[in-house]
Amino acid sequence: MKNLFANPGFGKALVFSFLFFNLLTLAAKAGVDSYDIYLNNKLLIHQSMSDPFSLKDLPLTEANAGDNLIIRYSQCNAPGKIGRKRSISLKDAGGRIVKEWKFKDAGGSNAEMVIPVKELLAIRKNSTGALSLCYAAEENKGQELAVLKS
């Protein structure tokens, strides 16, 4: 019986196949969006789009009125267009925009989107029902991030 591994062509093909399939799996993981929401420096929410999605509630109270909500959204599937024409909006249950914040294009250290918590609390006080915090950019027309319950 012949030994298949003694053939140098077979060994090269086996190594090439192994490397090829590993590169495919790496490329698939590289195109995943994710976001983090912080209250000042405390991480409240981390969500990767490769994980099962769950819309979480933002635990904001009057005690946080002097704090900032910081959102870092990473659009890994759009190289060269990450963070262009970014905005965060607060939408009511009907999908209508109650308030929108626009941010400069991301680059280097200005990738954070900062919203004063006092603004969120004031809007929540004057609304009925839950409000959704949503991200949008040139390459992402809308992604719900979290819920602000009344």
N, C-alpha and C. Protein backbone atom coordinates (compact mmCIF):
# COMPACT_ATOMS: atom_id res chain seq x y z
N MET A 1 0.85 -1.17 0.00
CA MET A 1 0.00 0.00 0.00
C MET A 1 0.90 1.24 0.00
N LYS A 2 0.52 2.25 -0.82
CA LYS A 2 1.30 3.48 -0.93
C LYS A 2 1.01 4.41 0.24
N ASN A 3 2.01 5.11 0.66
CA ASN A 3 1.86 6.12 1.71
C ASN A 3 1.54 7.46 1.04
N LEU A 4 0.33 8.02 1.26
CA LEU A 4 -0.07 9.27 0.63
C LEU A 4 0.79 10.44 1.08
N PHE A 5 1.27 10.41 2.31
CA PHE A 5 2.05 11.51 2.85
C PHE A 5 3.47 11.54 2.31
N ALA A 6 3.90 10.47 1.62
CA ALA A 6 5.23 10.45 1.03
C ALA A 6 5.27 11.29 -0.23
N ASN A 7 4.13 11.57 -0.84
CA ASN A 7 4.05 12.38 -2.05
C ASN A 7 4.18 13.86 -1.66
N PRO A 8 5.23 14.57 -2.14
CA PRO A 8 5.42 15.97 -1.76
C PRO A 8 4.27 16.87 -2.23
N GLY A 9 3.65 16.56 -3.34
CA GLY A 9 2.52 17.36 -3.84
C GLY A 9 1.33 17.28 -2.92
N PHE A 10 1.07 16.13 -2.36
CA PHE A 10 -0.05 15.95 -1.44
C PHE A 10 0.17 16.76 -0.16
N GLY A 11 1.39 16.74 0.35
CA GLY A 11 1.71 17.49 1.57
C GLY A 11 1.54 18.99 1.37
N LYS A 12 1.99 19.49 0.22
CA LYS A 12 1.83 20.92 -0.08
C LYS A 12 0.36 21.29 -0.19
N ALA A 13 -0.42 20.42 -0.86
CA ALA A 13 -1.85 20.68 -1.01
C ALA A 13 -2.54 20.69 0.36
N LEU A 14 -2.13 19.79 1.23
CA LEU A 14 -2.72 19.72 2.56
C LEU A 14 -2.41 20.98 3.36
N VAL A 15 -1.17 21.45 3.31
CA VAL A 15 -0.77 22.67 4.03
C VAL A 15 -1.50 23.88 3.45
N PHE A 16 -1.57 23.97 2.12
CA PHE A 16 -2.27 25.08 1.47
C PHE A 16 -3.75 25.10 1.88
N SER A 17 -4.38 23.95 1.87
CA SER A 17 -5.80 23.87 2.26
C SER A 17 -6.00 24.32 3.70
N PHE A 18 -5.13 23.90 4.58
CA PHE A 18 -5.22 24.30 5.99
C PHE A 18 -5.10 25.82 6.13
N LEU A 19 -4.11 26.41 5.47
CA LEU A 19 -3.91 27.86 5.55
C LEU A 19 -5.08 28.62 4.91
N PHE A 20 -5.57 28.13 3.79
CA PHE A 20 -6.67 28.78 3.09
C PHE A 20 -7.93 28.83 3.97
N PHE A 21 -8.30 27.74 4.58
CA PHE A 21 -9.50 27.72 5.42
C PHE A 21 -9.33 28.55 6.68
N ASN A 22 -8.12 28.61 7.23
CA ASN A 22 -7.88 29.47 8.39
C ASN A 22 -8.01 30.94 8.02
N LEU A 23 -7.52 31.33 6.85
CA LEU A 23 -7.64 32.72 6.41
C LEU A 23 -9.11 33.09 6.19
N LEU A 24 -9.90 32.18 5.68
CA LEU A 24 -11.33 32.46 5.49
C LEU A 24 -12.03 32.73 6.81
N THR A 25 -11.71 31.97 7.82
CA THR A 25 -12.37 32.18 9.12
C THR A 25 -11.90 33.48 9.76
N LEU A 26 -10.66 33.89 9.56
CA LEU A 26 -10.19 35.16 10.09
C LEU A 26 -10.88 36.32 9.40
N ALA A 27 -11.03 36.24 8.11
CA ALA A 27 -11.68 37.31 7.36
C ALA A 27 -13.13 37.47 7.80
N ALA A 28 -13.80 36.40 8.09
CA ALA A 28 -15.20 36.48 8.50
C ALA A 28 -15.34 37.19 9.85
N LYS A 29 -14.40 36.98 10.74
CA LYS A 29 -14.47 37.61 12.06
C LYS A 29 -14.12 39.09 12.00
N ALA A 30 -13.33 39.50 10.99
CA ALA A 30 -12.87 40.88 10.92
C ALA A 30 -13.97 41.86 10.56
N GLY A 31 -15.09 41.41 9.98
CA GLY A 31 -16.12 42.31 9.52
C GLY A 31 -17.26 42.49 10.48
N VAL A 32 -17.02 42.47 11.76
CA VAL A 32 -18.09 42.52 12.76
C VAL A 32 -18.13 43.89 13.43
N ASP A 33 -19.32 44.52 13.41
CA ASP A 33 -19.52 45.77 14.13
C ASP A 33 -19.68 45.47 15.62
N SER A 34 -19.32 46.44 16.44
CA SER A 34 -19.52 46.31 17.88
C SER A 34 -19.64 47.70 18.48
N TYR A 35 -20.18 47.76 19.69
CA TYR A 35 -20.25 49.05 20.37
C TYR A 35 -20.15 48.85 21.88
N ASP A 36 -19.70 49.92 22.53
CA ASP A 36 -19.61 49.98 23.98
C ASP A 36 -20.30 51.26 24.42
N ILE A 37 -21.03 51.18 25.52
CA ILE A 37 -21.66 52.36 26.11
C ILE A 37 -21.15 52.49 27.53
N TYR A 38 -20.61 53.66 27.83
CA TYR A 38 -20.04 53.94 29.15
C TYR A 38 -20.82 55.05 29.83
N LEU A 39 -20.88 54.99 31.14
CA LEU A 39 -21.33 56.11 31.96
C LEU A 39 -20.04 56.64 32.58
N ASN A 40 -19.57 57.77 32.05
CA ASN A 40 -18.23 58.27 32.35
C ASN A 40 -17.23 57.19 31.96
N ASN A 41 -16.53 56.60 32.89
CA ASN A 41 -15.55 55.57 32.56
C ASN A 41 -16.02 54.15 32.90
N LYS A 42 -17.28 54.02 33.32
CA LYS A 42 -17.81 52.71 33.71
C LYS A 42 -18.55 52.07 32.53
N LEU A 43 -18.11 50.90 32.12
CA LEU A 43 -18.75 50.19 31.01
C LEU A 43 -20.13 49.69 31.43
N LEU A 44 -21.16 50.12 30.70
CA LEU A 44 -22.53 49.67 30.97
C LEU A 44 -22.94 48.55 30.02
N ILE A 45 -22.60 48.71 28.74
CA ILE A 45 -23.03 47.76 27.72
C ILE A 45 -21.90 47.51 26.73
N HIS A 46 -21.67 46.25 26.43
CA HIS A 46 -20.79 45.86 25.32
C HIS A 46 -21.58 44.90 24.45
N GLN A 47 -21.64 45.20 23.15
CA GLN A 47 -22.38 44.33 22.23
C GLN A 47 -21.57 44.18 20.94
N SER A 48 -21.35 42.94 20.57
CA SER A 48 -20.73 42.62 19.28
C SER A 48 -21.82 42.03 18.42
N MET A 49 -21.86 42.41 17.16
CA MET A 49 -22.92 41.93 16.28
C MET A 49 -22.78 40.43 15.96
N SER A 50 -21.66 39.84 16.34
CA SER A 50 -21.50 38.40 16.14
C SER A 50 -22.13 37.62 17.31
N ASP A 51 -22.45 38.31 18.40
CA ASP A 51 -23.09 37.68 19.56
C ASP A 51 -24.61 37.79 19.41
N PRO A 52 -25.37 36.94 20.10
CA PRO A 52 -26.83 37.10 20.08
C PRO A 52 -27.19 38.49 20.59
N PHE A 53 -28.05 39.19 19.86
CA PHE A 53 -28.37 40.58 20.19
C PHE A 53 -29.43 40.64 21.28
N SER A 54 -29.18 41.49 22.26
CA SER A 54 -30.18 41.77 23.29
C SER A 54 -30.15 43.26 23.58
N LEU A 55 -31.30 43.90 23.48
CA LEU A 55 -31.41 45.32 23.72
C LEU A 55 -31.49 45.56 25.22
N LYS A 56 -30.51 46.24 25.77
CA LYS A 56 -30.43 46.43 27.21
C LYS A 56 -30.92 47.82 27.62
N ASP A 57 -31.38 47.90 28.85
CA ASP A 57 -31.87 49.14 29.43
C ASP A 57 -30.70 49.94 30.00
N LEU A 58 -30.73 51.25 29.77
CA LEU A 58 -29.71 52.13 30.36
C LEU A 58 -30.16 52.52 31.76
N PRO A 59 -29.39 52.18 32.77
CA PRO A 59 -29.78 52.46 34.16
C PRO A 59 -29.42 53.89 34.58
N LEU A 60 -30.11 54.88 34.02
CA LEU A 60 -29.80 56.28 34.33
C LEU A 60 -30.81 56.84 35.31
N THR A 61 -30.30 57.54 36.33
CA THR A 61 -31.16 58.17 37.33
C THR A 61 -30.74 59.62 37.51
N GLU A 62 -31.49 60.36 38.30
CA GLU A 62 -31.15 61.76 38.58
C GLU A 62 -29.77 61.90 39.21
N ALA A 63 -29.32 60.86 39.89
CA ALA A 63 -27.97 60.89 40.48
C ALA A 63 -26.89 60.98 39.42
N ASN A 64 -27.22 60.62 38.16
CA ASN A 64 -26.26 60.66 37.06
C ASN A 64 -26.37 61.93 36.22
N ALA A 65 -27.17 62.91 36.65
CA ALA A 65 -27.44 64.10 35.85
C ALA A 65 -26.17 64.85 35.44
N GLY A 66 -25.14 64.80 36.24
CA GLY A 66 -23.89 65.50 35.92
C GLY A 66 -22.91 64.64 35.12
N ASP A 67 -23.31 63.44 34.78
CA ASP A 67 -22.43 62.50 34.08
C ASP A 67 -22.60 62.58 32.57
N ASN A 68 -21.74 61.86 31.87
CA ASN A 68 -21.81 61.77 30.41
C ASN A 68 -21.98 60.32 29.98
N LEU A 69 -22.79 60.13 28.96
CA LEU A 69 -22.92 58.83 28.32
C LEU A 69 -21.94 58.85 27.14
N ILE A 70 -21.06 57.87 27.08
CA ILE A 70 -20.04 57.81 26.04
C ILE A 70 -20.27 56.56 25.21
N ILE A 71 -20.39 56.74 23.91
CA ILE A 71 -20.66 55.63 23.00
C ILE A 71 -19.49 55.50 22.04
N ARG A 72 -18.99 54.28 21.94
CA ARG A 72 -17.92 53.96 20.99
C ARG A 72 -18.45 52.89 20.06
N TYR A 73 -18.67 53.25 18.81
CA TYR A 73 -19.19 52.31 17.82
C TYR A 73 -18.08 52.00 16.82
N SER A 74 -17.80 50.73 16.63
CA SER A 74 -16.75 50.29 15.72
C SER A 74 -17.39 49.61 14.52
N GLN A 75 -17.24 50.24 13.35
CA GLN A 75 -17.79 49.72 12.11
C GLN A 75 -16.69 49.01 11.34
N CYS A 76 -16.42 47.79 11.69
CA CYS A 76 -15.29 47.07 11.11
C CYS A 76 -15.53 46.62 9.68
N ASN A 77 -16.75 46.65 9.20
CA ASN A 77 -17.02 46.15 7.87
C ASN A 77 -16.90 47.22 6.80
N ALA A 78 -16.51 48.44 7.16
CA ALA A 78 -16.44 49.52 6.19
C ALA A 78 -15.12 50.27 6.29
N PRO A 79 -13.99 49.64 5.93
CA PRO A 79 -12.71 50.34 6.03
C PRO A 79 -12.72 51.61 5.19
N GLY A 80 -12.17 52.67 5.73
CA GLY A 80 -12.12 53.95 5.03
C GLY A 80 -13.39 54.77 5.18
N LYS A 81 -14.46 54.19 5.65
CA LYS A 81 -15.71 54.93 5.84
C LYS A 81 -16.22 54.79 7.27
N ILE A 82 -15.35 54.42 8.17
CA ILE A 82 -15.75 54.23 9.56
C ILE A 82 -16.01 55.60 10.19
N GLY A 83 -17.16 55.74 10.76
CA GLY A 83 -17.47 56.94 11.51
C GLY A 83 -17.73 58.18 10.70
N ARG A 84 -18.16 58.08 9.45
CA ARG A 84 -18.50 59.27 8.67
C ARG A 84 -19.97 59.61 8.87
N LYS A 85 -20.24 60.90 9.05
CA LYS A 85 -21.61 61.40 9.22
C LYS A 85 -22.35 60.65 10.33
N ARG A 86 -21.70 60.55 11.50
CA ARG A 86 -22.25 59.79 12.63
C ARG A 86 -23.31 60.59 13.37
N SER A 87 -24.30 59.86 13.88
CA SER A 87 -25.30 60.49 14.73
C SER A 87 -25.86 59.45 15.70
N ILE A 88 -26.33 59.97 16.82
CA ILE A 88 -27.06 59.18 17.80
C ILE A 88 -28.41 59.84 17.92
N SER A 89 -29.47 59.05 17.84
CA SER A 89 -30.80 59.61 17.97
C SER A 89 -31.56 58.87 19.06
N LEU A 90 -32.52 59.57 19.61
CA LEU A 90 -33.42 59.01 20.61
C LEU A 90 -34.78 58.92 19.93
N LYS A 91 -35.30 57.70 19.80
CA LYS A 91 -36.56 57.48 19.09
C LYS A 91 -37.64 56.98 20.04
N ASP A 92 -38.88 57.40 19.76
CA ASP A 92 -40.00 56.92 20.57
C ASP A 92 -40.47 55.56 20.06
N ALA A 93 -41.51 55.01 20.69
CA ALA A 93 -42.00 53.67 20.35
C ALA A 93 -42.48 53.59 18.90
N GLY A 94 -42.89 54.71 18.33
CA GLY A 94 -43.34 54.74 16.95
C GLY A 94 -42.22 54.90 15.94
N GLY A 95 -40.96 54.98 16.43
CA GLY A 95 -39.82 55.13 15.54
C GLY A 95 -39.52 56.56 15.14
N ARG A 96 -40.23 57.53 15.72
CA ARG A 96 -40.00 58.94 15.41
C ARG A 96 -38.82 59.47 16.23
N ILE A 97 -37.99 60.27 15.60
CA ILE A 97 -36.82 60.85 16.27
C ILE A 97 -37.28 61.96 17.20
N VAL A 98 -36.96 61.81 18.48
CA VAL A 98 -37.28 62.81 19.49
C VAL A 98 -36.14 63.82 19.61
N LYS A 99 -34.91 63.32 19.51
CA LYS A 99 -33.71 64.17 19.60
C LYS A 99 -32.60 63.48 18.83
N GLU A 100 -31.76 64.28 18.17
CA GLU A 100 -30.62 63.72 17.44
C GLU A 100 -29.36 64.52 17.76
N TRP A 101 -28.27 63.80 17.98
CA TRP A 101 -26.98 64.40 18.21
C TRP A 101 -26.08 64.00 17.03
N LYS A 102 -25.41 64.97 16.42
CA LYS A 102 -24.51 64.69 15.30
C LYS A 102 -23.07 64.86 15.79
N PHE A 103 -22.18 64.01 15.23
CA PHE A 103 -20.79 64.00 15.67
C PHE A 103 -19.84 64.10 14.48
N LYS A 104 -18.66 64.62 14.76
CA LYS A 104 -17.62 64.72 13.72
C LYS A 104 -17.22 63.33 13.27
N ASP A 105 -16.66 63.27 12.07
CA ASP A 105 -16.15 62.00 11.55
C ASP A 105 -15.07 61.48 12.49
N ALA A 106 -15.09 60.18 12.71
CA ALA A 106 -14.14 59.55 13.63
C ALA A 106 -12.76 59.54 13.03
N GLY A 107 -11.79 59.65 13.89
CA GLY A 107 -10.40 59.58 13.48
C GLY A 107 -9.52 59.73 14.71
N GLY A 108 -8.71 58.75 14.96
CA GLY A 108 -7.82 58.81 16.11
C GLY A 108 -8.57 58.83 17.42
N SER A 109 -8.36 59.86 18.21
CA SER A 109 -8.92 59.89 19.56
C SER A 109 -10.33 60.47 19.64
N ASN A 110 -10.89 60.98 18.53
CA ASN A 110 -12.23 61.57 18.63
C ASN A 110 -13.33 60.60 18.19
N ALA A 111 -13.12 59.31 18.37
CA ALA A 111 -14.11 58.31 17.98
C ALA A 111 -15.26 58.22 18.98
N GLU A 112 -15.11 58.81 20.14
CA GLU A 112 -16.16 58.75 21.16
C GLU A 112 -17.28 59.73 20.82
N MET A 113 -18.50 59.30 21.11
CA MET A 113 -19.67 60.17 20.97
C MET A 113 -20.19 60.40 22.39
N VAL A 114 -20.19 61.65 22.82
CA VAL A 114 -20.53 61.98 24.20
C VAL A 114 -21.86 62.72 24.25
N ILE A 115 -22.75 62.23 25.12
CA ILE A 115 -24.07 62.85 25.31
C ILE A 115 -24.23 63.12 26.81
N PRO A 116 -24.53 64.36 27.18
CA PRO A 116 -24.78 64.64 28.61
C PRO A 116 -26.03 63.90 29.09
N VAL A 117 -25.91 63.23 30.21
CA VAL A 117 -27.02 62.45 30.76
C VAL A 117 -28.19 63.35 31.10
N LYS A 118 -27.92 64.60 31.51
CA LYS A 118 -29.02 65.50 31.87
C LYS A 118 -29.96 65.73 30.69
N GLU A 119 -29.44 65.71 29.46
CA GLU A 119 -30.29 65.85 28.28
C GLU A 119 -31.21 64.63 28.12
N LEU A 120 -30.65 63.45 28.31
CA LEU A 120 -31.44 62.22 28.21
C LEU A 120 -32.53 62.18 29.28
N LEU A 121 -32.18 62.57 30.49
CA LEU A 121 -33.15 62.55 31.59
C LEU A 121 -34.28 63.55 31.35
N ALA A 122 -33.96 64.73 30.81
CA ALA A 122 -34.98 65.74 30.53
C ALA A 122 -35.96 65.24 29.46
N ILE A 123 -35.43 64.59 28.44
CA ILE A 123 -36.29 64.06 27.38
C ILE A 123 -37.15 62.92 27.93
N ARG A 124 -36.55 62.05 28.72
CA ARG A 124 -37.30 60.93 29.30
C ARG A 124 -38.43 61.43 30.20
N LYS A 125 -38.17 62.50 30.95
CA LYS A 125 -39.17 63.06 31.87
C LYS A 125 -40.40 63.56 31.11
N ASN A 126 -40.19 64.09 29.90
CA ASN A 126 -41.27 64.67 29.12
C ASN A 126 -41.88 63.70 28.11
N SER A 127 -41.56 62.44 28.20
CA SER A 127 -42.10 61.47 27.24
C SER A 127 -42.81 60.33 27.97
N THR A 128 -43.63 59.64 27.22
CA THR A 128 -44.30 58.46 27.76
C THR A 128 -43.79 57.25 27.00
N GLY A 129 -43.54 56.19 27.69
CA GLY A 129 -43.04 54.97 27.05
C GLY A 129 -41.53 54.97 26.93
N ALA A 130 -41.04 53.86 26.43
CA ALA A 130 -39.60 53.68 26.31
C ALA A 130 -39.06 54.44 25.10
N LEU A 131 -37.81 54.86 25.21
CA LEU A 131 -37.11 55.53 24.12
C LEU A 131 -35.92 54.66 23.72
N SER A 132 -35.65 54.59 22.43
CA SER A 132 -34.52 53.80 21.93
C SER A 132 -33.37 54.71 21.54
N LEU A 133 -32.18 54.36 21.97
CA LEU A 133 -30.97 55.06 21.59
C LEU A 133 -30.44 54.35 20.34
N CYS A 134 -30.29 55.09 19.23
CA CYS A 134 -29.92 54.49 17.94
C CYS A 134 -28.70 55.18 17.35
N TYR A 135 -27.85 54.38 16.71
CA TYR A 135 -26.65 54.87 16.01
C TYR A 135 -26.91 54.85 14.52
N ALA A 136 -26.41 55.85 13.82
CA ALA A 136 -26.46 55.86 12.36
C ALA A 136 -25.19 56.52 11.84
N ALA A 137 -24.79 56.10 10.66
CA ALA A 137 -23.63 56.68 9.98
C ALA A 137 -23.83 56.47 8.49
N GLU A 138 -22.90 56.98 7.71
CA GLU A 138 -22.99 56.87 6.26
C GLU A 138 -23.17 55.43 5.80
N GLU A 139 -22.46 54.50 6.42
CA GLU A 139 -22.52 53.10 6.03
C GLU A 139 -23.42 52.26 6.93
N ASN A 140 -24.07 52.87 7.89
CA ASN A 140 -24.96 52.15 8.80
C ASN A 140 -26.17 53.04 9.03
N LYS A 141 -27.28 52.70 8.42
CA LYS A 141 -28.45 53.57 8.44
C LYS A 141 -29.27 53.48 9.73
N GLY A 142 -28.87 52.65 10.65
CA GLY A 142 -29.57 52.63 11.93
C GLY A 142 -29.38 51.34 12.69
N GLN A 143 -28.91 51.48 13.91
CA GLN A 143 -28.71 50.34 14.79
C GLN A 143 -29.17 50.71 16.18
N GLU A 144 -30.18 50.01 16.70
CA GLU A 144 -30.60 50.25 18.07
C GLU A 144 -29.49 49.80 19.01
N LEU A 145 -29.20 50.63 20.00
CA LEU A 145 -28.13 50.34 20.94
C LEU A 145 -28.65 49.96 22.33
N ALA A 146 -29.64 50.72 22.81
CA ALA A 146 -30.14 50.50 24.16
C ALA A 146 -31.50 51.17 24.31
N VAL A 147 -32.15 50.89 25.43
CA VAL A 147 -33.47 51.45 25.71
C VAL A 147 -33.37 52.32 26.96
N LEU A 148 -34.07 53.43 26.91
CA LEU A 148 -34.17 54.34 28.05
C LEU A 148 -35.63 54.31 28.48
N LYS A 149 -35.91 53.57 29.56
CA LYS A 149 -37.29 53.42 30.01
C LYS A 149 -37.71 54.61 30.85
N SER A 150 -39.01 54.93 30.78
CA SER A 150 -39.52 56.07 31.56
C SER A 150 -39.88 55.67 32.98
